[in-house]
N, C-alpha and C. Protein backbone atom coordinates (compact mmCIF):
# COMPACT_ATOMS: atom_id res chain seq x y z
N MET A 1 95.44 91.00 146.19
CA MET A 1 93.84 91.42 145.85
C MET A 1 93.60 92.84 145.92
N LEU A 2 93.01 93.36 144.68
CA LEU A 2 93.01 95.12 144.47
C LEU A 2 91.84 95.07 145.10
N ARG A 3 92.29 96.40 147.09
CA ARG A 3 90.88 96.59 146.93
C ARG A 3 90.62 97.77 147.65
N SER A 4 91.83 98.45 146.78
CA SER A 4 91.50 99.92 146.84
C SER A 4 90.29 100.71 145.57
N TRP A 5 89.31 101.00 145.68
CA TRP A 5 88.44 101.50 144.79
C TRP A 5 89.76 101.65 143.65
N TRP A 6 90.29 103.14 143.99
CA TRP A 6 91.28 104.16 143.21
C TRP A 6 92.48 103.34 142.06
N LEU A 7 92.83 102.22 142.22
CA LEU A 7 93.75 100.97 142.13
C LEU A 7 93.39 101.46 140.23
N PRO A 8 92.39 100.39 140.62
CA PRO A 8 92.59 99.62 138.90
C PRO A 8 92.66 100.97 138.05
N TRP A 9 91.62 102.11 138.73
CA TRP A 9 91.63 103.45 137.69
C TRP A 9 92.98 104.45 137.98
N VAL A 10 94.09 104.26 138.10
CA VAL A 10 95.89 104.38 138.27
C VAL A 10 95.41 103.61 137.77
N LEU A 11 95.65 102.37 137.09
CA LEU A 11 96.64 101.24 136.22
C LEU A 11 95.37 101.61 134.97
N VAL A 12 94.63 102.27 134.49
CA VAL A 12 93.68 102.49 133.21
C VAL A 12 94.77 103.16 133.01
N LEU A 13 94.27 104.52 134.17
CA LEU A 13 94.98 105.35 133.44
C LEU A 13 96.61 105.83 132.87
N THR A 14 97.46 105.52 134.03
CA THR A 14 98.71 104.45 133.37
C THR A 14 98.89 103.91 131.72
N LEU A 15 98.19 103.38 131.65
CA LEU A 15 98.09 102.76 130.00
C LEU A 15 97.30 103.28 129.23
N LEU A 16 96.50 103.77 129.35
CA LEU A 16 96.03 105.04 128.62
C LEU A 16 97.16 106.12 128.28
N LEU A 17 97.67 106.74 129.56
CA LEU A 17 98.79 107.95 129.34
C LEU A 17 100.26 107.04 128.45
N GLY A 18 100.35 105.71 128.74
CA GLY A 18 101.80 105.57 128.10
C GLY A 18 100.61 105.14 127.04
N ILE A 19 100.62 104.83 125.79
CA ILE A 19 100.04 104.62 125.11
C ILE A 19 99.39 105.44 124.39
N GLY A 20 99.02 106.40 123.94
CA GLY A 20 98.53 107.99 123.76
C GLY A 20 99.64 108.55 124.20
N ALA A 21 100.77 108.74 124.67
CA ALA A 21 102.24 109.71 125.20
C ALA A 21 102.16 110.13 123.80
N PRO A 22 102.78 109.48 122.63
CA PRO A 22 103.18 109.60 121.17
C PRO A 22 102.06 110.12 120.94
N GLU A 23 101.12 110.09 120.13
CA GLU A 23 99.77 111.05 119.69
C GLU A 23 100.02 112.47 120.92
N ILE A 24 99.91 112.67 121.97
CA ILE A 24 99.63 113.28 122.90
C ILE A 24 101.01 114.26 122.21
N TYR A 25 102.50 114.38 122.74
CA TYR A 25 103.46 114.78 121.64
C TYR A 25 103.26 115.62 120.80
N PHE A 26 103.17 114.77 119.82
CA PHE A 26 103.02 114.73 118.26
C PHE A 26 102.01 116.04 117.93
N TYR A 27 100.80 116.19 118.95
CA TYR A 27 100.26 116.97 118.63
C TYR A 27 100.69 118.71 118.85
N LEU A 28 101.34 117.82 120.11
CA LEU A 28 101.20 120.12 121.85
C LEU A 28 103.14 119.28 120.35
N SER A 29 103.70 119.21 120.15
CA SER A 29 105.01 119.69 119.56
C SER A 29 104.51 120.85 118.15
N ASN A 30 103.69 120.45 117.66
CA ASN A 30 102.95 120.76 115.60
C ASN A 30 101.30 121.59 116.33
N TYR A 31 101.82 121.66 117.10
CA TYR A 31 100.63 122.96 117.28
C TYR A 31 100.88 123.96 117.02
N ARG A 32 99.98 124.75 116.01
CA ARG A 32 100.62 126.44 115.68
C ARG A 32 98.67 127.00 115.85
N PRO A 33 98.81 128.21 116.80
CA PRO A 33 97.27 129.13 116.45
C PRO A 33 97.36 129.14 115.33
N LEU A 34 95.57 129.26 115.00
CA LEU A 34 95.18 128.79 113.54
C LEU A 34 95.15 130.02 112.58
N SER A 35 95.54 131.37 112.84
CA SER A 35 96.13 132.54 112.61
C SER A 35 97.89 131.73 111.77
N TRP A 36 98.73 131.38 112.18
CA TRP A 36 99.10 131.01 111.87
C TRP A 36 100.12 130.06 110.87
N ASP A 37 99.19 128.78 111.42
CA ASP A 37 99.24 127.36 110.62
C ASP A 37 98.52 128.35 109.12
N TYR A 38 99.10 127.33 108.59
CA TYR A 38 98.76 126.93 106.72
C TYR A 38 96.75 126.13 105.98
N LEU A 39 96.04 127.03 105.92
CA LEU A 39 94.92 126.41 106.01
C LEU A 39 94.54 125.22 105.33
N TYR A 40 95.68 125.32 103.65
CA TYR A 40 95.73 124.08 102.60
C TYR A 40 96.63 124.62 102.53
N SER A 41 97.72 123.01 102.33
CA SER A 41 99.35 123.64 101.11
C SER A 41 99.40 122.06 100.64
N PHE A 42 100.18 122.87 99.39
CA PHE A 42 100.50 121.67 98.33
C PHE A 42 101.89 121.71 98.06
N GLY A 43 102.35 120.98 97.39
CA GLY A 43 103.89 120.30 96.53
C GLY A 43 103.70 121.30 95.61
N PRO A 44 105.08 121.93 95.13
CA PRO A 44 104.89 123.11 93.92
C PRO A 44 105.07 122.00 92.78
N ASP A 45 105.43 121.21 92.55
CA ASP A 45 104.49 120.61 91.21
C ASP A 45 103.15 120.83 91.25
N PRO A 46 102.76 121.73 89.85
CA PRO A 46 101.34 121.10 89.84
C PRO A 46 100.31 119.82 89.30
N LEU A 47 99.14 120.57 90.10
CA LEU A 47 98.56 119.16 90.34
C LEU A 47 96.97 119.60 89.54
N PRO A 48 96.11 118.37 89.25
CA PRO A 48 94.77 118.60 87.90
C PRO A 48 94.29 118.87 89.55
N VAL A 49 93.41 119.95 88.90
CA VAL A 49 92.44 121.20 90.27
C VAL A 49 90.92 121.11 88.67
N SER A 50 90.04 120.83 89.68
CA SER A 50 88.67 121.52 89.33
C SER A 50 88.14 122.43 90.09
N LEU A 51 87.73 123.47 88.79
CA LEU A 51 86.74 124.54 89.91
C LEU A 51 85.21 124.43 89.21
N ILE A 52 84.45 123.94 90.21
CA ILE A 52 82.19 124.55 89.64
C ILE A 52 81.81 125.30 90.63
N GLY A 53 82.22 126.66 90.14
CA GLY A 53 80.96 127.60 89.92
C GLY A 53 79.60 127.56 89.40
N GLU A 54 79.32 128.50 90.13
CA GLU A 54 77.45 128.56 89.29
C GLU A 54 77.37 128.76 87.97
N ASP A 55 78.26 129.18 87.58
CA ASP A 55 78.38 129.70 85.57
C ASP A 55 79.47 128.65 85.89
N ARG A 56 79.86 128.50 85.27
CA ARG A 56 80.85 128.03 84.90
C ARG A 56 81.90 126.43 85.67
N ARG A 57 82.30 125.99 84.69
CA ARG A 57 82.98 125.30 85.86
C ARG A 57 85.33 124.62 84.84
N VAL A 58 86.12 124.63 85.49
CA VAL A 58 87.25 124.85 84.70
C VAL A 58 87.80 123.06 85.11
N GLN A 59 88.25 122.10 84.25
CA GLN A 59 89.21 121.45 85.17
C GLN A 59 90.11 121.29 84.12
N ILE A 60 91.44 121.00 85.40
CA ILE A 60 91.94 121.44 84.42
C ILE A 60 92.69 120.11 85.03
N TYR A 61 93.48 119.07 83.62
CA TYR A 61 92.89 117.47 84.18
C TYR A 61 94.82 116.60 82.91
N ARG A 62 94.89 116.03 83.59
CA ARG A 62 95.89 115.05 82.34
C ARG A 62 95.19 113.58 82.84
N PHE A 63 95.87 112.53 81.95
CA PHE A 63 95.36 111.36 82.08
C PHE A 63 96.80 110.62 82.63
N ARG A 64 97.63 110.66 82.55
CA ARG A 64 98.40 110.45 83.26
C ARG A 64 99.68 111.21 84.11
N PRO A 65 100.47 110.55 84.73
CA PRO A 65 101.14 112.17 85.91
C PRO A 65 102.33 112.06 84.38
N GLU A 66 102.55 111.99 84.05
CA GLU A 66 103.71 111.80 82.57
C GLU A 66 104.35 112.59 81.92
N GLU A 67 101.97 112.68 81.25
CA GLU A 67 100.90 113.61 80.57
C GLU A 67 101.64 115.17 81.26
N PRO A 68 101.46 116.61 79.42
CA PRO A 68 101.49 117.80 80.53
C PRO A 68 100.01 117.96 81.12
N LEU A 69 99.31 118.59 81.94
CA LEU A 69 97.69 119.51 81.82
C LEU A 69 96.99 120.30 81.13
N HIS A 70 95.94 119.50 80.76
CA HIS A 70 95.07 120.66 79.86
C HIS A 70 93.94 121.66 80.73
N ILE A 71 93.37 122.18 80.00
CA ILE A 71 92.30 122.65 80.55
C ILE A 71 91.33 123.02 79.63
N LEU A 72 90.07 122.58 80.46
CA LEU A 72 88.72 122.22 79.79
C LEU A 72 87.84 123.85 80.02
N VAL A 73 87.45 124.49 79.88
CA VAL A 73 86.33 125.76 80.41
C VAL A 73 84.79 125.23 80.19
N ILE A 74 84.41 125.17 80.43
CA ILE A 74 82.29 125.34 80.03
C ILE A 74 82.14 126.60 80.89
N ARG A 75 81.42 127.42 80.08
CA ARG A 75 80.92 128.85 80.23
C ARG A 75 79.30 128.68 80.17
N GLN A 76 78.40 129.18 80.87
CA GLN A 76 76.91 128.91 80.96
C GLN A 76 76.47 129.72 79.70
N ASP A 77 77.53 131.31 79.52
CA ASP A 77 76.78 132.43 78.64
C ASP A 77 77.74 132.14 77.16
N VAL A 78 78.27 131.10 77.18
CA VAL A 78 79.32 131.07 75.78
C VAL A 78 78.91 129.42 74.99
N PRO A 79 78.33 129.13 73.61
CA PRO A 79 78.18 128.31 73.43
C PRO A 79 79.80 127.48 73.04
N GLY A 80 79.66 126.20 73.39
CA GLY A 80 81.81 125.51 73.16
C GLY A 80 82.03 125.35 74.63
N ILE A 81 82.82 124.45 74.01
CA ILE A 81 83.74 123.59 74.92
C ILE A 81 84.76 125.21 74.56
N GLU A 82 86.12 124.89 75.54
CA GLU A 82 87.08 125.94 75.29
C GLU A 82 87.98 125.15 76.04
N ARG A 83 88.91 124.64 75.40
CA ARG A 83 90.61 123.93 75.33
C ARG A 83 91.67 124.37 75.40
N CYS A 84 92.33 124.18 76.31
CA CYS A 84 93.60 124.24 76.25
C CYS A 84 95.12 124.18 76.59
N GLU A 85 95.73 124.02 76.59
CA GLU A 85 97.99 123.07 77.50
C GLU A 85 97.21 124.37 78.36
N ALA A 86 97.67 123.79 79.75
CA ALA A 86 97.87 124.10 81.29
C ALA A 86 99.99 125.21 80.70
N GLY A 87 100.12 125.99 81.11
CA GLY A 87 101.58 126.63 80.80
C GLY A 87 101.31 127.55 82.31
N ALA A 88 102.53 128.41 81.81
CA ALA A 88 102.98 129.29 82.72
C ALA A 88 102.10 129.70 84.23
N GLY A 89 100.86 130.07 83.27
CA GLY A 89 100.37 131.31 83.88
C GLY A 89 99.55 130.26 84.92
N PHE A 90 99.43 129.51 85.02
CA PHE A 90 98.60 127.95 85.61
C PHE A 90 99.65 127.67 86.92
N GLU A 91 100.98 127.40 85.86
CA GLU A 91 101.79 127.55 87.58
C GLU A 91 102.24 128.41 88.06
N ARG A 92 102.11 129.02 88.24
CA ARG A 92 101.69 130.59 88.80
C ARG A 92 101.00 130.86 89.00
N TRP A 93 99.87 130.40 88.78
CA TRP A 93 98.44 130.67 89.44
C TRP A 93 98.26 129.50 91.23
N PHE A 94 99.57 128.48 90.42
CA PHE A 94 99.38 127.31 91.72
C PHE A 94 100.02 127.24 92.45
N ARG A 95 101.13 128.71 92.27
CA ARG A 95 101.84 128.44 93.33
C ARG A 95 101.16 129.34 94.83
N LEU A 96 100.36 130.06 94.56
CA LEU A 96 98.82 130.18 94.66
C LEU A 96 98.69 129.79 96.49
N LEU A 97 98.48 128.29 96.08
CA LEU A 97 98.37 127.63 96.65
C LEU A 97 99.50 126.09 97.06
N GLU A 98 100.42 127.27 97.00
CA GLU A 98 100.84 125.74 97.79
C GLU A 98 101.50 126.26 99.63
N ARG A 99 101.09 127.48 100.13
CA ARG A 99 100.67 128.12 101.22
C ARG A 99 99.08 129.03 100.95
N VAL A 100 97.80 127.84 101.49
CA VAL A 100 97.18 129.93 101.76
C VAL A 100 97.31 129.68 103.51
N GLY A 101 98.03 130.15 103.73
CA GLY A 101 97.37 131.10 105.43
C GLY A 101 96.26 131.57 105.83
N SER A 102 95.82 132.15 106.91
CA SER A 102 94.41 132.46 107.44
C SER A 102 95.21 133.83 108.20
N GLU A 103 93.90 134.54 107.35
CA GLU A 103 94.54 136.05 108.17
C GLU A 103 93.56 135.80 109.17
N GLY A 104 92.55 135.36 109.89
CA GLY A 104 91.65 135.57 110.77
C GLY A 104 90.56 134.55 110.29
N LEU A 105 88.93 134.72 110.44
CA LEU A 105 88.38 134.67 110.43
C LEU A 105 87.29 135.33 109.66
N ALA A 106 86.80 135.12 108.88
CA ALA A 106 85.49 136.18 107.48
C ALA A 106 84.06 135.77 108.26
N GLU A 107 84.01 137.26 108.24
CA GLU A 107 82.19 137.81 108.63
C GLU A 107 81.96 137.02 107.19
N THR A 108 80.74 135.97 107.01
CA THR A 108 80.25 135.01 105.61
C THR A 108 79.74 133.47 106.71
N ASP A 109 78.78 133.53 106.09
CA ASP A 109 78.18 132.12 106.41
C ASP A 109 78.96 131.02 105.09
N GLY A 110 79.13 131.50 103.47
CA GLY A 110 79.48 131.55 101.95
C GLY A 110 78.64 130.89 101.05
N GLN A 111 77.89 131.78 101.50
CA GLN A 111 76.44 132.17 100.86
C GLN A 111 75.52 133.04 100.34
N GLY A 112 75.07 133.55 99.61
CA GLY A 112 74.69 134.38 98.58
C GLY A 112 75.19 135.59 97.12
N THR A 113 77.06 135.14 97.61
CA THR A 113 77.20 135.82 97.06
C THR A 113 78.24 134.72 95.45
N GLU A 114 78.27 136.11 94.43
CA GLU A 114 79.12 135.32 93.43
C GLU A 114 80.46 135.27 93.37
N GLY A 115 81.12 134.35 92.28
CA GLY A 115 81.83 134.05 93.16
C GLY A 115 82.10 132.92 93.16
N TRP A 116 81.65 132.32 94.68
CA TRP A 116 82.11 131.52 95.40
C TRP A 116 81.82 129.68 94.51
N ALA A 117 82.63 128.48 94.49
CA ALA A 117 82.65 128.02 94.00
C ALA A 117 83.26 126.09 94.78
N SER A 118 83.43 125.57 93.90
CA SER A 118 84.08 124.36 95.30
C SER A 118 85.52 124.25 94.69
N LEU A 119 86.44 123.93 94.73
CA LEU A 119 88.00 124.16 94.52
C LEU A 119 88.12 122.40 94.85
N THR A 120 89.30 121.72 93.49
CA THR A 120 89.39 120.46 93.98
C THR A 120 91.21 120.65 93.69
N VAL A 121 91.86 120.15 94.37
CA VAL A 121 92.84 119.94 94.85
C VAL A 121 93.25 118.60 94.77
N GLY A 122 94.51 117.73 92.89
CA GLY A 122 94.69 116.47 93.07
C GLY A 122 93.71 116.16 92.84
N ASP A 123 93.83 114.01 92.26
CA ASP A 123 93.43 113.94 91.85
C ASP A 123 91.71 113.63 92.68
N GLU A 124 91.19 112.96 91.90
CA GLU A 124 90.13 112.60 93.00
C GLU A 124 90.00 111.18 93.47
N MET A 125 90.16 110.51 92.49
CA MET A 125 90.03 108.72 92.64
C MET A 125 91.30 108.29 92.13
N SER A 126 92.38 107.86 93.56
CA SER A 126 93.81 107.15 92.71
C SER A 126 94.37 105.81 93.28
N GLU A 127 93.56 104.72 92.01
CA GLU A 127 94.20 103.20 93.41
C GLU A 127 92.84 102.98 94.15
N GLY A 128 91.44 103.60 93.43
CA GLY A 128 89.76 103.04 94.51
C GLY A 128 89.57 104.14 96.18
N SER A 129 90.85 105.54 95.90
CA SER A 129 90.98 105.96 97.37
C SER A 129 90.76 107.98 96.93
N TRP A 130 90.11 108.21 97.52
CA TRP A 130 90.12 110.09 97.37
C TRP A 130 91.55 110.31 97.42
N GLN A 131 91.56 110.76 96.91
CA GLN A 131 93.10 111.97 96.64
C GLN A 131 93.66 113.30 96.52
N GLY A 132 92.21 114.05 96.25
CA GLY A 132 92.00 115.20 96.22
C GLY A 132 91.80 115.62 97.54
N VAL A 133 91.65 116.97 97.73
CA VAL A 133 91.08 117.85 98.79
C VAL A 133 90.38 119.23 97.93
N GLN A 134 89.33 119.46 98.64
CA GLN A 134 87.86 119.73 97.60
C GLN A 134 87.69 120.98 99.34
N PHE A 135 87.17 122.01 99.25
CA PHE A 135 87.03 123.29 99.79
C PHE A 135 86.98 124.20 98.59
N GLU A 136 85.62 124.86 100.06
CA GLU A 136 84.83 125.99 99.52
C GLU A 136 85.45 126.95 98.61
N VAL A 137 85.30 127.40 98.21
CA VAL A 137 86.60 129.38 98.14
C VAL A 137 85.67 130.20 97.75
N HIS A 138 85.75 131.05 98.16
CA HIS A 138 84.84 132.97 97.55
C HIS A 138 85.96 133.22 96.67
N ILE A 139 86.57 133.26 95.28
CA ILE A 139 87.84 134.16 94.78
C ILE A 139 86.59 135.24 93.42
N PRO A 140 86.64 136.84 94.00
CA PRO A 140 86.54 137.88 92.88
C PRO A 140 86.94 137.75 92.42
N ARG A 141 85.89 138.13 91.56
CA ARG A 141 86.23 137.29 89.76
C ARG A 141 87.11 138.63 89.54
N ASP A 142 87.13 140.04 89.70
CA ASP A 142 86.91 141.18 89.19
C ASP A 142 88.20 141.19 90.08
N GLY A 143 89.06 140.76 91.14
CA GLY A 143 90.08 140.71 91.85
C GLY A 143 90.35 141.78 92.94
N ASP A 144 88.17 142.55 92.72
CA ASP A 144 88.24 143.02 93.89
C ASP A 144 87.66 142.55 94.86
N GLY A 145 88.04 142.66 96.28
CA GLY A 145 87.92 141.70 97.67
C GLY A 145 88.86 140.76 97.63
N PRO A 146 87.99 141.09 98.99
CA PRO A 146 89.52 139.52 99.86
C PRO A 146 88.97 137.70 99.15
N VAL A 147 90.00 137.41 99.24
CA VAL A 147 89.43 135.89 98.81
C VAL A 147 89.64 135.22 100.33
N ILE A 148 88.50 133.70 99.69
CA ILE A 148 87.91 133.04 101.61
C ILE A 148 88.19 132.29 101.51
N VAL A 149 88.59 131.19 102.23
CA VAL A 149 88.68 129.77 102.03
C VAL A 149 87.42 129.43 103.04
N GLU A 150 87.32 127.90 103.24
CA GLU A 150 86.39 126.76 104.26
C GLU A 150 87.77 126.29 104.69
N ARG A 151 88.06 126.65 105.56
CA ARG A 151 88.18 124.65 106.80
C ARG A 151 87.30 124.01 107.25
N ASP A 152 87.21 123.24 107.97
CA ASP A 152 86.36 122.77 109.35
C ASP A 152 85.48 123.93 109.26
N GLY A 153 84.31 124.10 108.65
CA GLY A 153 83.37 125.11 107.96
C GLY A 153 83.55 125.81 108.49
N LEU A 154 84.42 126.62 108.33
CA LEU A 154 84.60 127.82 109.26
C LEU A 154 85.36 128.44 107.98
N TYR A 155 85.18 130.08 107.63
CA TYR A 155 85.80 130.62 106.81
C TYR A 155 86.20 131.64 107.18
N HIS A 156 87.91 131.86 106.58
CA HIS A 156 89.18 132.46 106.61
C HIS A 156 89.02 133.10 105.63
N THR A 157 89.55 135.04 105.83
CA THR A 157 90.14 135.42 104.77
C THR A 157 91.37 135.17 104.54
N VAL A 158 92.14 134.67 103.18
CA VAL A 158 93.77 133.86 102.82
C VAL A 158 94.31 135.09 103.29
N GLN A 159 95.30 134.87 104.18
CA GLN A 159 96.64 136.03 104.38
C GLN A 159 97.32 135.94 102.69
N ASP A 160 97.16 137.63 102.79
CA ASP A 160 98.41 137.61 101.95
C ASP A 160 97.98 137.28 100.14
N ALA A 161 96.13 137.78 100.42
CA ALA A 161 96.08 136.94 99.08
C ALA A 161 96.15 138.37 97.97
N ASN A 162 96.62 137.70 97.04
CA ASN A 162 96.52 139.05 96.00
C ASN A 162 94.99 138.34 94.80
N ALA A 163 94.47 138.86 95.12
CA ALA A 163 92.54 138.94 94.54
C ALA A 163 93.29 138.83 92.97
N GLU A 164 93.84 140.04 92.26
CA GLU A 164 93.40 139.99 90.78
C GLU A 164 94.02 138.28 90.18
N ALA A 165 95.72 137.77 91.11
CA ALA A 165 95.99 136.84 90.99
C ALA A 165 95.37 134.96 91.26
N TRP A 166 94.61 135.22 92.22
CA TRP A 166 94.13 134.33 92.15
C TRP A 166 93.01 134.02 91.62
N SER A 167 91.93 135.44 90.81
CA SER A 167 90.78 135.38 89.16
C SER A 167 91.62 135.03 88.41
N ARG A 168 92.34 134.39 88.08
CA ARG A 168 93.07 133.82 86.73
C ARG A 168 92.39 132.91 86.67
N ILE A 169 91.73 131.84 87.43
CA ILE A 169 91.15 130.83 87.75
C ILE A 169 90.09 131.14 86.59
N TRP A 170 89.81 131.81 86.98
CA TRP A 170 88.43 132.89 86.22
C TRP A 170 88.29 132.59 84.52
N SER A 171 89.71 133.16 84.26
CA SER A 171 89.07 133.58 83.20
C SER A 171 89.78 132.34 82.03
N GLY A 172 90.33 131.48 82.40
CA GLY A 172 89.84 129.72 81.37
C GLY A 172 91.84 129.78 80.83
N CYS A 173 91.68 129.57 79.12
CA CYS A 173 92.54 129.40 78.53
C CYS A 173 92.98 130.96 78.98
N ALA A 174 92.56 131.54 79.06
CA ALA A 174 93.18 132.98 78.47
C ALA A 174 94.54 133.82 80.30
N GLY A 175 93.53 133.33 80.72
CA GLY A 175 94.76 133.52 81.81
C GLY A 175 95.89 132.47 82.79
N LEU A 176 95.57 130.81 82.10
CA LEU A 176 95.80 129.67 82.56
C LEU A 176 96.69 128.98 81.47
N GLY A 177 96.69 130.37 79.96
CA GLY A 177 97.03 128.93 79.14
C GLY A 177 98.20 128.93 78.73
N ALA A 178 98.95 128.50 77.95
CA ALA A 178 101.01 128.44 77.39
C ALA A 178 101.23 129.31 77.52
N GLY A 179 100.41 130.31 76.60
CA GLY A 179 100.74 131.96 76.41
C GLY A 179 100.81 133.30 77.13
N SER A 180 100.21 132.92 78.72
CA SER A 180 99.82 133.45 79.45
C SER A 180 100.61 133.88 80.53
């Protein structure tokens, strides 16, 4: 019989470490400090994108995977809806999302500045489950200032961000359409 108080604890700990060892190894072998890690990354193939800002909405969508992407822009200060097919401009813009790295924490709480928007990359619903990645982002409209993204409640300045290229999303068809 087990009469020592520590022996059951050793057995439980051994079982836990034995069961959890692959997960612990995976975490330790793939861990990199946040400043070196990518905040967000997506494959090279352009995905649907939704940008919802305080005065405009930009939807890049398609109904079937084999169809080309289309752009729909609704602006608060312009009547009507702008529509076009996504083109080379969108593909160049989407490449900015392939690897979004952190330059470090940004000094902001994510409030009070024009240019903040909710950005969703990927299909929102597919086969009944959420497939997209949604995060808050600050993209300066005039290309002046840092691009800031949110991850896990912290705000990061985007590493190597070309703010002018990022700001193309605000221009709708003019910056992302087939003719650009």
